[in-house]
N, C-alpha and C. Protein backbone atom coordinates (compact mmCIF):
# COMPACT_ATOMS: atom_id res chain seq x y z
N MET A 1 118.40 111.17 43.75
CA MET A 1 118.26 112.28 44.70
C MET A 1 118.78 111.81 46.02
N VAL A 2 119.59 112.62 46.63
CA VAL A 2 120.12 112.36 47.91
C VAL A 2 119.36 113.24 48.95
N PHE A 3 118.96 112.63 50.03
CA PHE A 3 118.26 113.34 51.10
C PHE A 3 119.23 113.47 52.24
N SER A 4 119.77 114.59 52.49
CA SER A 4 120.61 114.87 53.58
C SER A 4 121.09 116.31 53.67
N PRO A 5 121.10 116.93 54.84
CA PRO A 5 121.63 118.26 54.92
C PRO A 5 123.14 118.23 54.89
N GLY A 6 123.80 117.08 55.12
CA GLY A 6 125.25 116.95 55.03
C GLY A 6 125.62 115.65 54.38
N ASP A 7 126.79 115.57 53.77
CA ASP A 7 127.20 114.39 53.06
C ASP A 7 127.43 113.16 53.93
N GLN A 8 127.71 113.34 55.18
CA GLN A 8 128.04 112.21 56.04
C GLN A 8 126.86 111.20 56.22
N SER A 9 125.63 111.63 56.05
CA SER A 9 124.49 110.74 56.30
C SER A 9 123.60 110.74 55.06
N ALA A 10 124.21 110.84 53.84
CA ALA A 10 123.43 110.86 52.58
C ALA A 10 122.62 109.58 52.43
N LYS A 11 121.37 109.78 52.00
CA LYS A 11 120.44 108.62 51.81
C LYS A 11 119.85 108.77 50.42
N ARG A 12 119.44 107.60 49.87
CA ARG A 12 118.76 107.59 48.56
C ARG A 12 117.35 107.10 48.80
N TYR A 13 116.53 107.26 47.74
CA TYR A 13 115.12 106.86 47.81
C TYR A 13 115.03 105.38 48.34
N ASP A 14 115.85 104.52 47.76
CA ASP A 14 115.67 103.04 48.12
C ASP A 14 116.05 102.86 49.61
N ASP A 15 116.80 103.74 50.25
CA ASP A 15 117.08 103.62 51.68
C ASP A 15 115.79 103.74 52.45
N PHE A 16 114.76 104.36 51.91
CA PHE A 16 113.43 104.57 52.57
C PHE A 16 112.41 103.63 52.05
N GLY A 17 112.71 102.74 51.12
CA GLY A 17 111.73 101.80 50.56
C GLY A 17 110.74 102.48 49.58
N ILE A 18 111.20 103.56 48.95
CA ILE A 18 110.34 104.25 48.03
C ILE A 18 110.62 103.81 46.62
N PRO A 19 109.54 103.54 45.85
CA PRO A 19 109.68 103.15 44.45
C PRO A 19 110.55 104.18 43.68
N LYS A 20 111.28 103.72 42.68
CA LYS A 20 112.13 104.60 41.90
C LYS A 20 111.31 105.79 41.32
N PRO A 21 111.69 107.00 41.56
CA PRO A 21 110.97 108.18 41.03
C PRO A 21 111.40 108.49 39.60
N GLN A 22 110.83 109.47 39.07
CA GLN A 22 111.28 109.95 37.69
C GLN A 22 112.71 110.42 37.83
N THR A 23 113.47 110.16 36.81
CA THR A 23 114.88 110.65 36.82
C THR A 23 114.91 112.08 36.20
N ALA A 24 116.07 112.67 36.38
CA ALA A 24 116.23 114.06 35.76
C ALA A 24 116.03 113.89 34.23
N GLU A 25 116.51 112.82 33.67
CA GLU A 25 116.34 112.63 32.20
C GLU A 25 114.83 112.48 31.82
N ASP A 26 114.06 111.78 32.71
CA ASP A 26 112.61 111.69 32.46
C ASP A 26 111.96 113.07 32.46
N ILE A 27 112.36 113.91 33.43
CA ILE A 27 111.81 115.26 33.47
C ILE A 27 112.20 116.08 32.27
N GLU A 28 113.45 115.97 31.86
CA GLU A 28 113.94 116.73 30.70
C GLU A 28 113.16 116.31 29.44
N ALA A 29 112.90 114.95 29.33
CA ALA A 29 112.19 114.46 28.14
C ALA A 29 110.73 114.97 28.17
N LEU A 30 110.08 114.98 29.33
CA LEU A 30 108.71 115.46 29.43
C LEU A 30 108.62 116.95 29.12
N VAL A 31 109.52 117.75 29.65
CA VAL A 31 109.53 119.18 29.33
C VAL A 31 109.80 119.40 27.87
N GLY A 32 110.75 118.63 27.34
CA GLY A 32 111.07 118.75 25.89
C GLY A 32 109.83 118.36 25.05
N PHE A 33 109.16 117.35 25.41
CA PHE A 33 107.93 116.91 24.72
C PHE A 33 106.88 118.06 24.78
N ALA A 34 106.70 118.66 25.89
CA ALA A 34 105.78 119.78 26.08
C ALA A 34 106.10 120.90 25.07
N LYS A 35 107.42 121.22 24.98
CA LYS A 35 107.88 122.26 24.08
C LYS A 35 107.59 121.82 22.61
N GLU A 36 107.90 120.59 22.32
CA GLU A 36 107.76 120.08 20.94
C GLU A 36 106.28 120.13 20.47
N ILE A 37 105.37 119.94 21.32
CA ILE A 37 103.95 119.90 20.88
C ILE A 37 103.32 121.32 20.94
N GLY A 38 104.10 122.32 21.32
CA GLY A 38 103.62 123.70 21.29
C GLY A 38 102.98 124.17 22.59
N THR A 39 103.25 123.53 23.69
CA THR A 39 102.73 123.98 24.99
C THR A 39 103.17 125.40 25.28
N ILE A 40 102.29 126.29 25.75
CA ILE A 40 102.65 127.64 26.02
C ILE A 40 103.52 127.72 27.30
N HIS A 41 103.11 126.98 28.34
CA HIS A 41 103.94 126.94 29.52
C HIS A 41 103.55 125.66 30.35
N VAL A 42 104.45 125.33 31.26
CA VAL A 42 104.17 124.21 32.17
C VAL A 42 103.92 124.77 33.53
N VAL A 43 103.14 124.02 34.31
CA VAL A 43 102.79 124.46 35.71
C VAL A 43 103.45 123.52 36.63
N TYR A 44 104.17 124.07 37.64
CA TYR A 44 104.87 123.24 38.56
C TYR A 44 104.47 123.59 39.98
N SER A 45 104.82 122.61 40.89
CA SER A 45 104.64 122.82 42.32
C SER A 45 105.58 121.84 43.00
N ALA A 46 106.23 122.28 44.06
CA ALA A 46 107.02 121.33 44.84
C ALA A 46 106.07 120.35 45.50
N ALA A 47 106.51 119.07 45.52
CA ALA A 47 105.61 118.03 46.04
C ALA A 47 105.35 118.23 47.51
N LYS A 48 104.21 117.74 47.92
CA LYS A 48 103.81 117.82 49.32
C LYS A 48 103.14 116.48 49.63
N ILE A 49 103.10 116.18 50.87
CA ILE A 49 102.51 114.86 51.40
C ILE A 49 101.22 115.21 52.04
N VAL A 50 100.16 114.81 51.46
CA VAL A 50 98.80 115.14 51.93
C VAL A 50 98.27 114.08 52.91
N GLN A 51 97.81 114.59 54.04
CA GLN A 51 97.24 113.68 55.05
C GLN A 51 95.81 113.33 54.68
N PRO A 52 95.48 112.10 54.28
CA PRO A 52 94.12 111.79 53.96
C PRO A 52 93.13 112.01 55.14
N ARG A 53 91.98 112.51 54.86
CA ARG A 53 90.99 112.72 55.93
C ARG A 53 90.56 111.40 56.52
N GLY A 54 90.72 111.29 57.81
CA GLY A 54 90.21 110.09 58.57
C GLY A 54 90.95 108.83 58.30
N ARG A 55 92.07 108.92 57.58
CA ARG A 55 92.88 107.67 57.34
C ARG A 55 94.35 107.97 57.57
N LYS A 56 95.08 106.85 57.67
CA LYS A 56 96.49 106.96 57.88
C LYS A 56 97.19 107.11 56.49
N LEU A 57 98.39 107.64 56.46
CA LEU A 57 99.15 107.72 55.24
C LEU A 57 99.43 106.27 54.77
N SER A 58 99.44 106.05 53.46
CA SER A 58 99.83 104.76 52.94
C SER A 58 101.28 104.46 53.25
N PRO A 59 101.70 103.21 53.21
CA PRO A 59 103.12 102.93 53.50
C PRO A 59 104.07 103.67 52.63
N VAL A 60 103.79 103.87 51.32
CA VAL A 60 104.67 104.65 50.45
C VAL A 60 104.78 106.08 50.91
N MET A 61 103.62 106.70 51.22
CA MET A 61 103.56 108.09 51.64
C MET A 61 104.26 108.25 53.04
N GLN A 62 104.17 107.22 53.91
CA GLN A 62 104.89 107.24 55.16
C GLN A 62 106.38 107.27 54.90
N ALA A 63 106.83 106.49 53.91
CA ALA A 63 108.22 106.47 53.57
C ALA A 63 108.67 107.78 52.95
N MET A 64 107.79 108.41 52.13
CA MET A 64 108.09 109.69 51.59
C MET A 64 108.24 110.76 52.69
N ARG A 65 107.38 110.65 53.68
CA ARG A 65 107.46 111.62 54.80
C ARG A 65 108.76 111.47 55.49
N ARG A 66 109.20 110.21 55.74
CA ARG A 66 110.53 110.05 56.43
C ARG A 66 111.62 110.61 55.56
N ALA A 67 111.57 110.41 54.23
CA ALA A 67 112.59 110.96 53.33
C ALA A 67 112.53 112.53 53.39
N TYR A 68 111.39 113.06 53.42
CA TYR A 68 111.27 114.59 53.47
C TYR A 68 111.81 115.02 54.78
N GLU A 69 111.51 114.32 55.88
CA GLU A 69 112.06 114.77 57.19
C GLU A 69 113.61 114.75 57.16
N CYS A 70 114.22 113.77 56.52
CA CYS A 70 115.64 113.69 56.38
C CYS A 70 116.13 114.91 55.54
N ALA A 71 115.47 115.15 54.41
CA ALA A 71 115.91 116.22 53.54
C ALA A 71 115.70 117.58 54.20
N ALA A 72 114.65 117.74 55.04
CA ALA A 72 114.41 119.04 55.72
C ALA A 72 115.48 119.37 56.75
N GLY A 73 116.12 118.34 57.29
CA GLY A 73 117.18 118.60 58.25
C GLY A 73 116.60 119.13 59.56
N PRO A 74 117.37 119.90 60.32
CA PRO A 74 116.94 120.33 61.63
C PRO A 74 115.71 121.26 61.65
N SER A 75 115.48 121.94 60.50
CA SER A 75 114.34 122.87 60.50
C SER A 75 113.00 122.15 60.43
N GLY A 76 113.02 120.87 60.02
CA GLY A 76 111.80 120.06 60.03
C GLY A 76 110.81 120.42 58.91
N LEU A 77 109.81 119.61 58.78
CA LEU A 77 108.80 119.89 57.76
C LEU A 77 107.79 120.90 58.25
N THR A 78 107.15 121.54 57.30
CA THR A 78 106.06 122.49 57.60
C THR A 78 104.73 121.75 57.39
N PHE A 79 103.80 121.91 58.28
CA PHE A 79 102.46 121.27 58.03
C PHE A 79 101.43 122.39 57.96
N ARG A 80 100.84 122.55 56.80
CA ARG A 80 99.81 123.53 56.57
C ARG A 80 98.93 123.06 55.42
N GLY A 81 97.67 123.41 55.53
CA GLY A 81 96.68 123.06 54.52
C GLY A 81 96.49 121.57 54.41
N GLY A 82 96.70 120.85 55.50
CA GLY A 82 96.52 119.41 55.55
C GLY A 82 97.63 118.63 54.86
N ALA A 83 98.82 119.26 54.72
CA ALA A 83 99.93 118.61 54.03
C ALA A 83 101.29 118.96 54.68
N TRP A 84 102.22 118.02 54.62
CA TRP A 84 103.59 118.26 55.02
C TRP A 84 104.34 118.77 53.81
N ARG A 85 105.15 119.76 54.00
CA ARG A 85 105.95 120.35 52.93
C ARG A 85 107.38 120.52 53.38
N LEU A 86 108.28 120.46 52.36
CA LEU A 86 109.68 120.76 52.69
C LEU A 86 109.78 122.28 53.03
N PRO A 87 110.77 122.64 53.86
CA PRO A 87 111.03 124.06 54.02
C PRO A 87 111.25 124.71 52.66
N GLU A 88 110.74 125.94 52.52
CA GLU A 88 110.82 126.60 51.25
C GLU A 88 112.23 126.64 50.69
N SER A 89 113.25 126.84 51.49
CA SER A 89 114.65 126.90 50.99
C SER A 89 115.08 125.54 50.44
N VAL A 90 114.67 124.45 51.12
CA VAL A 90 115.02 123.14 50.66
C VAL A 90 114.32 122.79 49.35
N ALA A 91 113.05 123.04 49.34
CA ALA A 91 112.26 122.75 48.13
C ALA A 91 112.75 123.57 46.98
N ASP A 92 113.06 124.80 47.20
CA ASP A 92 113.60 125.64 46.11
C ASP A 92 114.92 125.13 45.54
N ARG A 93 115.86 124.77 46.48
CA ARG A 93 117.16 124.28 46.01
C ARG A 93 117.09 122.90 45.39
N ARG A 94 116.30 121.99 45.93
CA ARG A 94 116.33 120.62 45.45
C ARG A 94 115.25 120.27 44.38
N VAL A 95 114.21 121.07 44.34
CA VAL A 95 113.13 120.70 43.39
C VAL A 95 112.86 121.81 42.38
N VAL A 96 112.59 122.99 42.84
CA VAL A 96 112.13 124.06 42.00
C VAL A 96 113.22 124.60 41.06
N GLN A 97 114.39 124.97 41.62
CA GLN A 97 115.41 125.53 40.76
C GLN A 97 115.91 124.53 39.70
N PRO A 98 116.17 123.28 40.06
CA PRO A 98 116.57 122.31 38.99
C PRO A 98 115.48 122.20 37.87
N PHE A 99 114.23 122.21 38.27
CA PHE A 99 113.14 122.14 37.28
C PHE A 99 113.17 123.41 36.40
N LEU A 100 113.26 124.57 37.01
CA LEU A 100 113.27 125.81 36.24
C LEU A 100 114.43 125.88 35.30
N GLU A 101 115.57 125.29 35.71
CA GLU A 101 116.75 125.27 34.84
C GLU A 101 116.50 124.42 33.55
N VAL A 102 115.78 123.29 33.81
CA VAL A 102 115.41 122.40 32.64
C VAL A 102 114.56 123.24 31.74
N CYS A 103 113.57 123.89 32.25
CA CYS A 103 112.69 124.70 31.44
C CYS A 103 113.40 125.75 30.68
N ARG A 104 114.29 126.46 31.36
CA ARG A 104 115.11 127.51 30.72
C ARG A 104 115.90 126.91 29.55
N LEU A 105 116.57 125.81 29.79
CA LEU A 105 117.41 125.13 28.71
C LEU A 105 116.58 124.71 27.56
N VAL A 106 115.37 124.22 27.82
CA VAL A 106 114.44 123.69 26.76
C VAL A 106 113.80 124.90 26.04
N GLY A 107 113.64 126.02 26.77
CA GLY A 107 113.03 127.17 26.17
C GLY A 107 111.52 127.21 26.27
N ILE A 108 111.03 126.83 27.47
CA ILE A 108 109.62 126.85 27.73
C ILE A 108 109.38 127.58 29.04
N ASN A 109 108.34 128.38 29.09
CA ASN A 109 107.97 129.13 30.31
C ASN A 109 107.41 128.16 31.34
N ALA A 110 107.63 128.47 32.60
CA ALA A 110 107.10 127.72 33.71
C ALA A 110 106.34 128.65 34.64
N ARG A 111 105.23 128.19 35.12
CA ARG A 111 104.39 129.00 36.02
C ARG A 111 104.12 128.13 37.32
N GLN A 112 104.29 128.82 38.43
CA GLN A 112 103.99 128.09 39.73
C GLN A 112 102.53 127.86 39.92
N CYS A 113 102.14 126.70 40.32
CA CYS A 113 100.77 126.33 40.53
C CYS A 113 100.14 127.31 41.59
N LYS A 114 98.97 127.81 41.24
CA LYS A 114 98.18 128.67 42.14
C LYS A 114 98.83 130.02 42.45
N ARG A 115 99.98 130.38 41.88
CA ARG A 115 100.53 131.65 42.14
C ARG A 115 99.58 132.76 41.65
N SER A 116 99.14 132.56 40.41
CA SER A 116 98.16 133.50 39.82
C SER A 116 97.22 132.68 38.97
N LEU A 117 96.07 132.35 39.46
CA LEU A 117 95.17 131.52 38.71
C LEU A 117 94.80 132.07 37.39
N ILE A 118 94.67 133.40 37.24
CA ILE A 118 94.35 133.98 35.96
C ILE A 118 95.53 133.79 35.00
N GLU A 119 96.75 133.92 35.49
CA GLU A 119 97.91 133.82 34.63
C GLU A 119 98.10 132.29 34.17
N THR A 120 97.70 131.37 35.01
CA THR A 120 97.91 129.95 34.62
C THR A 120 96.80 129.39 33.72
N LEU A 121 95.73 130.13 33.51
CA LEU A 121 94.66 129.67 32.65
C LEU A 121 95.01 129.71 31.20
């Protein structure tokens, strides 16, 4: 994953000292496994960085916040509900849409976390 609003300053996870995340292939395998075992749907949510109550962010989460700030570009991060989040347009383009495409290709339904609690039960 590259974090940058423009190609001239592209950065990778290791530029921020972040442990290697799941690859696209890992996600495809996990979604495929869910389909294989008969899962009705998968629940997804774009990642957020939660501020622990009364404590500082861990070093890894501080690095994630720096990476998110880079990915957010000039619009910056949104802070609500005690967590930093990517701008919706960035999260949609970089996280949600690629995940939904994997689900579509595998043939499994995806439901957004907390969008409709009754629907996700």
